[in-house]
Amino acid sequence: MNTLDNDLQSSESLEVGRITRYNWLKTSNWALFLAIVGFVFLVIALLGLSSVVQSFQMLAAMSGDSEALAIFQRYSPYFMAFFLVILGVQLLVNYFQLRFALQLKRSVNLTDQEALESAWLHFRNLFRTVGIMTIVLISFYFFIVFAAMAYAMAMNSQ
C-alpha cells in the first residue's frame, strides 16, 4: 500500500489501497463523462442563443411595431452578455472538471504523485469557481428582488 504523508507533522498517515485506487479510477471516469457532456451542452446553448436572437430579429421585421419585441431588442445585448458570461463560467467549470478527471486517471494508472496533486488542485479550483458563481448569482437575485420592490413602490407612489 502507498502512504500519503501528512504535511502537518502528524504521526498518522493515510494509506492508499486497492479499493481507493479503484474508486479514484471510477470517479475519474464519471468526471470525464460529465465534463464531455458539459462541453456538448455548452455548444448546444451557444447554438440556441444564436437561433433565439435570429428568431426575434425575424419576428421584429415581420411584426412591425410590437412593444414586447422592442423591449427585447433594446435589452438583447445585455441578455446576450449575461448569457455569455454564464457560459464562460460553465466552460471554466467543465475545464477544471476535465483536468481533474484526466490527472486523476493518470495518477492512478501511472502512480504519479504530481498528477495526483494536480488533479486535486483542479478539483479545488472547480469548487472555488462554482462557489464564486453561486455567490454572484445569489447577489444578482437579491438585486433583482430589491429592484422589483423599488419599482413597485415607485409605481404605488404615483
Protein backbone atom coordinates (compact mmCIF):
# COMPACT_ATOMS: atom_id res chain seq x y z
CA MET A 1 0.00 0.00 0.00
CA ASN A 2 1.13 3.53 -0.71
CA THR A 3 1.27 6.07 2.06
CA LEU A 4 0.25 9.69 1.78
CA ASP A 5 2.31 11.66 4.28
CA ASN A 6 0.55 14.39 6.16
CA ASP A 7 2.29 17.77 5.88
CA LEU A 8 1.15 18.68 9.38
CA GLN A 9 3.90 16.63 11.09
CA SER A 10 1.36 14.14 12.40
CA SER A 11 2.30 10.66 13.47
CA GLU A 12 -0.61 9.29 11.43
CA SER A 13 -0.66 8.90 7.66
CA LEU A 14 -3.21 7.92 5.06
CA GLU A 15 -2.86 4.68 3.18
CA VAL A 16 -3.99 4.34 -0.41
CA GLY A 17 -5.18 0.82 -1.01
CA ARG A 18 -6.53 -1.11 -3.95
CA ILE A 19 -10.13 -0.11 -3.21
CA THR A 20 -9.22 3.57 -3.01
CA ARG A 21 -7.40 3.38 -6.33
CA TYR A 22 -10.40 1.62 -7.89
CA ASN A 23 -12.77 4.30 -6.57
CA TRP A 24 -10.49 7.08 -7.83
CA LEU A 25 -10.43 5.47 -11.26
CA LYS A 26 -14.23 5.19 -11.36
CA THR A 27 -14.52 8.79 -10.14
CA SER A 28 -12.22 9.95 -12.91
CA ASN A 29 -14.32 8.07 -15.50
CA TRP A 30 -17.53 9.74 -14.32
CA ALA A 31 -15.89 13.16 -14.08
CA LEU A 32 -14.58 12.77 -17.63
CA PHE A 33 -18.02 11.75 -18.88
CA LEU A 34 -19.73 14.69 -17.15
CA ALA A 35 -17.11 17.15 -18.44
CA ILE A 36 -17.66 15.99 -22.01
CA VAL A 37 -21.44 16.22 -21.59
CA GLY A 38 -20.95 19.73 -20.18
CA PHE A 39 -18.95 20.78 -23.25
CA VAL A 40 -21.66 19.37 -25.53
CA PHE A 41 -24.34 21.32 -23.65
CA LEU A 42 -22.24 24.48 -23.97
CA VAL A 43 -22.16 24.08 -27.75
CA ILE A 44 -25.92 23.46 -27.82
CA ALA A 45 -26.50 26.54 -25.64
CA LEU A 46 -24.40 28.73 -27.94
CA LEU A 47 -26.31 27.47 -30.97
CA GLY A 48 -29.58 28.05 -29.13
CA LEU A 49 -28.57 31.59 -28.18
CA SER A 50 -27.75 32.48 -31.75
CA SER A 51 -31.01 30.99 -33.05
CA VAL A 52 -33.10 32.83 -30.43
CA VAL A 53 -31.55 36.16 -31.36
CA GLN A 54 -32.09 35.50 -35.07
CA SER A 55 -35.69 34.42 -34.43
CA PHE A 56 -36.50 37.62 -32.55
CA GLN A 57 -34.90 39.71 -35.28
CA MET A 58 -37.11 37.99 -37.87
CA LEU A 59 -40.19 38.48 -35.67
CA ALA A 60 -39.38 42.16 -35.27
CA ALA A 61 -39.03 42.57 -39.03
CA MET A 62 -42.33 40.77 -39.70
CA SER A 63 -44.48 42.25 -36.92
CA GLY A 64 -43.57 45.89 -37.24
CA ASP A 65 -44.15 47.90 -34.04
CA SER A 66 -44.54 45.39 -31.24
CA GLU A 67 -43.81 46.80 -27.79
CA ALA A 68 -42.60 43.47 -26.39
CA LEU A 69 -40.20 42.93 -29.26
CA ALA A 70 -38.93 46.50 -28.96
CA ILE A 71 -38.14 45.89 -25.30
CA PHE A 72 -36.38 42.66 -26.16
CA GLN A 73 -34.33 44.34 -28.89
CA ARG A 74 -33.36 47.11 -26.50
CA TYR A 75 -32.15 44.70 -23.82
CA SER A 76 -30.93 41.83 -26.01
CA PRO A 77 -27.25 42.91 -25.91
CA TYR A 78 -27.35 42.81 -22.10
CA PHE A 79 -29.13 39.46 -22.17
CA MET A 80 -26.54 38.06 -24.56
CA ALA A 81 -23.63 39.42 -22.49
CA PHE A 82 -25.08 37.92 -19.31
CA PHE A 83 -25.71 34.59 -21.03
CA LEU A 84 -22.17 34.56 -22.49
CA VAL A 85 -20.68 35.24 -19.04
CA ILE A 86 -22.68 32.32 -17.63
CA LEU A 87 -21.47 30.10 -20.48
CA GLY A 88 -17.90 31.29 -19.93
CA VAL A 89 -18.03 30.34 -16.27
CA GLN A 90 -19.55 26.99 -17.19
CA LEU A 91 -16.70 26.49 -19.67
CA LEU A 92 -14.24 27.12 -16.85
CA VAL A 93 -16.04 24.65 -14.58
CA ASN A 94 -16.04 22.00 -17.32
CA TYR A 95 -12.35 22.64 -17.99
CA PHE A 96 -11.41 22.15 -14.33
CA GLN A 97 -13.53 19.01 -14.19
CA LEU A 98 -11.87 17.65 -17.33
CA ARG A 99 -8.38 18.40 -15.98
CA PHE A 100 -9.31 16.75 -12.66
CA ALA A 101 -10.52 13.62 -14.43
CA LEU A 102 -7.52 13.31 -16.71
CA GLN A 103 -4.94 13.97 -14.00
CA LEU A 104 -6.63 11.62 -11.52
CA LYS A 105 -6.76 8.87 -14.13
CA ARG A 106 -3.09 9.47 -14.93
CA SER A 107 -2.08 9.40 -11.26
CA VAL A 108 -3.86 6.09 -10.67
CA ASN A 109 -2.61 4.41 -13.84
CA LEU A 110 0.99 5.62 -13.61
CA THR A 111 1.33 6.04 -9.82
CA ASP A 112 2.26 9.68 -10.44
CA GLN A 113 2.27 11.84 -7.30
CA GLU A 114 2.48 15.12 -9.26
CA ALA A 115 -0.56 14.17 -11.32
CA LEU A 116 -2.47 13.35 -8.12
CA GLU A 117 -1.64 16.73 -6.62
CA SER A 118 -2.55 18.46 -9.88
CA ALA A 119 -5.85 16.59 -10.01
CA TRP A 120 -6.86 17.75 -6.55
CA LEU A 121 -5.75 21.31 -7.36
CA HIS A 122 -8.11 21.30 -10.37
CA PHE A 123 -10.84 19.81 -8.18
CA ARG A 124 -10.37 22.61 -5.65
CA ASN A 125 -10.47 25.20 -8.46
CA LEU A 126 -13.70 23.64 -9.74
CA PHE A 127 -15.38 24.09 -6.37
CA ARG A 128 -13.91 27.57 -5.94
CA THR A 129 -15.36 28.63 -9.30
CA VAL A 130 -18.76 27.12 -8.54
CA GLY A 131 -18.74 28.78 -5.11
CA ILE A 132 -17.94 32.21 -6.53
CA MET A 133 -20.60 31.77 -9.20
CA THR A 134 -23.14 30.80 -6.55
CA ILE A 135 -22.36 33.92 -4.52
CA VAL A 136 -22.64 36.10 -7.62
CA LEU A 137 -25.99 34.54 -8.59
CA ILE A 138 -27.41 34.93 -5.08
CA SER A 139 -26.29 38.59 -5.11
CA PHE A 140 -27.90 39.01 -8.52
CA TYR A 141 -31.17 37.53 -7.21
CA PHE A 142 -31.16 39.94 -4.27
CA PHE A 143 -30.51 42.82 -6.66
CA ILE A 144 -33.46 41.77 -8.84
CA VAL A 145 -35.76 41.44 -5.82
CA PHE A 146 -34.77 44.86 -4.45
CA ALA A 147 -35.06 46.47 -7.88
CA ALA A 148 -38.55 44.98 -8.31
CA MET A 149 -39.56 46.21 -4.84
CA ALA A 150 -38.23 49.70 -5.58
CA TYR A 151 -40.05 49.75 -8.90
CA ALA A 152 -43.29 48.61 -7.24
CA MET A 153 -43.01 51.28 -4.53
CA ALA A 154 -42.29 53.94 -7.16
CA MET A 155 -45.35 52.88 -9.14
CA ASN A 156 -47.54 52.92 -5.98
CA SER A 157 -46.41 56.42 -5.02
CA GLN A 158 -47.56 57.90 -8.34
